[in-house]
Amino acid sequence: MDNTTGPRNKSRSRLIVFACALVVVISLLASDNILRAAALITAGIELPQGAGSLFEVSATPTDTNPDRRPVITRDPANPQSDNFDITATPADILLLMEEAAYEFVDQEPDGRIVSRQYGNRDASQVFGSLAVHNVSVTQQARNMAQDLAAPIDLAIDKNLPAVLIYHTHTTEGFEILNRDWYATGWSSRTANSYRNIVRVGEAIAQMLERAGFVVIHDTTVFDVPFAGAYERSRAAVRDWLERYPSIQVTIDVHRDAIHRSNGDRIRPVAEIMGKQAAQVMLIAGVHEGDMSPFANWETNLALAARLHVFAQERHPGLMKPLFFAPRRYNMDLAPFALFFEVGADANTLQEAVFSGKLIGDALAAMLEDYVV
């Protein structure tokens, strides 16, 4: 009889017990980390910049991952549900506002924010519901009622990517608190996608997707550094169009900055559905001067004019006069390229995101006419 069998079995048993215990400890530690991470994501406010800092967008302008999706959470109300409320303020924005109320409690005013609603009086030409601020040279006498009536050769397949949203000036941001003054110590520019124009683009994408359109939202930061931003976004748009020839509409979403010589900052705003909304301006370019050649400018203009009318009639007060000017802004890359200015730096993020929903709603309803 081998007297060593017993001790070996005991050693093996101890080894098995130790291994099992080690696995249990590791599992518990892993679970604790997962729970801790979940708690941070849920609470958000435990981190210096709240929920937004958990999903900071990289400022690397060369991020061209073709499968990248935005790192923004959807509104808490399911946009596909029947009880979706377009006027509801998303939870992430409510959290930012709550944090800002504490963070900026000691700020002092450095200048005034003046609210103003733009309309027909600010236009050089009015064609029914289409108000235009025309600063072109060769097209001053253009009858844009004809552009509104022009046929648009647009055919959208809802099973394929049809709309590309991007942001050449990605770090453009907004005020967080609704005040009639601003502080120069606050910089609205940020790479935080919860606070900048990317959040507005996501609201537009949400409304399009709610209507069944397939949207690509490129959240790449193109304006760090600021110089060369349009060249970088141009390369990205070309890449997307090459990858997905089904893309019919490209949209570069910005915000404006309207500052008077006396230091006042203008907040373009309108009351819609009982809530303050940042006004939206569409820009359409023209083939003249340094903007030549610009092969697609007339189809771009026709689509922009139609969207302006559609949005203004669907949500009265939303639109500033369409700005028709010798500008190109990469709109020559596609026959149906749009350029949005949603609000200005004196608007609040809450107002801008609400307007993103409104213009997205109008765009989705208009595009239904071109679904095949």
Foldseek 3Di string as FASTA:
>chain_A
DDPCVVVVVVVVVVVVVVVVVVVVVVVVVVVVVVVVVVVCCVFQVVDPQGNLVVQFDDQDQPPQPVPDAHPDDDAPPQLLDPPDDLLDFGPLLVVNLVVCCVVCVPFDFPAFEAEDFADQVCAPDDDPLAGANEPADPCPVPDCVVLQVDDAPFEAALVFAAEEEEALQLQAFAASDDDGGDGPVDDRGGSRCSTHCVLLVVLLVSLLVSLRHHYHYDNRNQVVVPPCSLVSVLVSVVVNCVVGVNHAEYEHEAAAWAADPVGYTYWHWDQWPNDIAGAKEKEAADDDDPLPPQVQRSLQSSLRRNLSSLLCVVTPSRYHHHYYYHDCSSVSVHNHYIYMHGIHRHDHPSNSNSSSNSSSNSVSVVCVVNYD
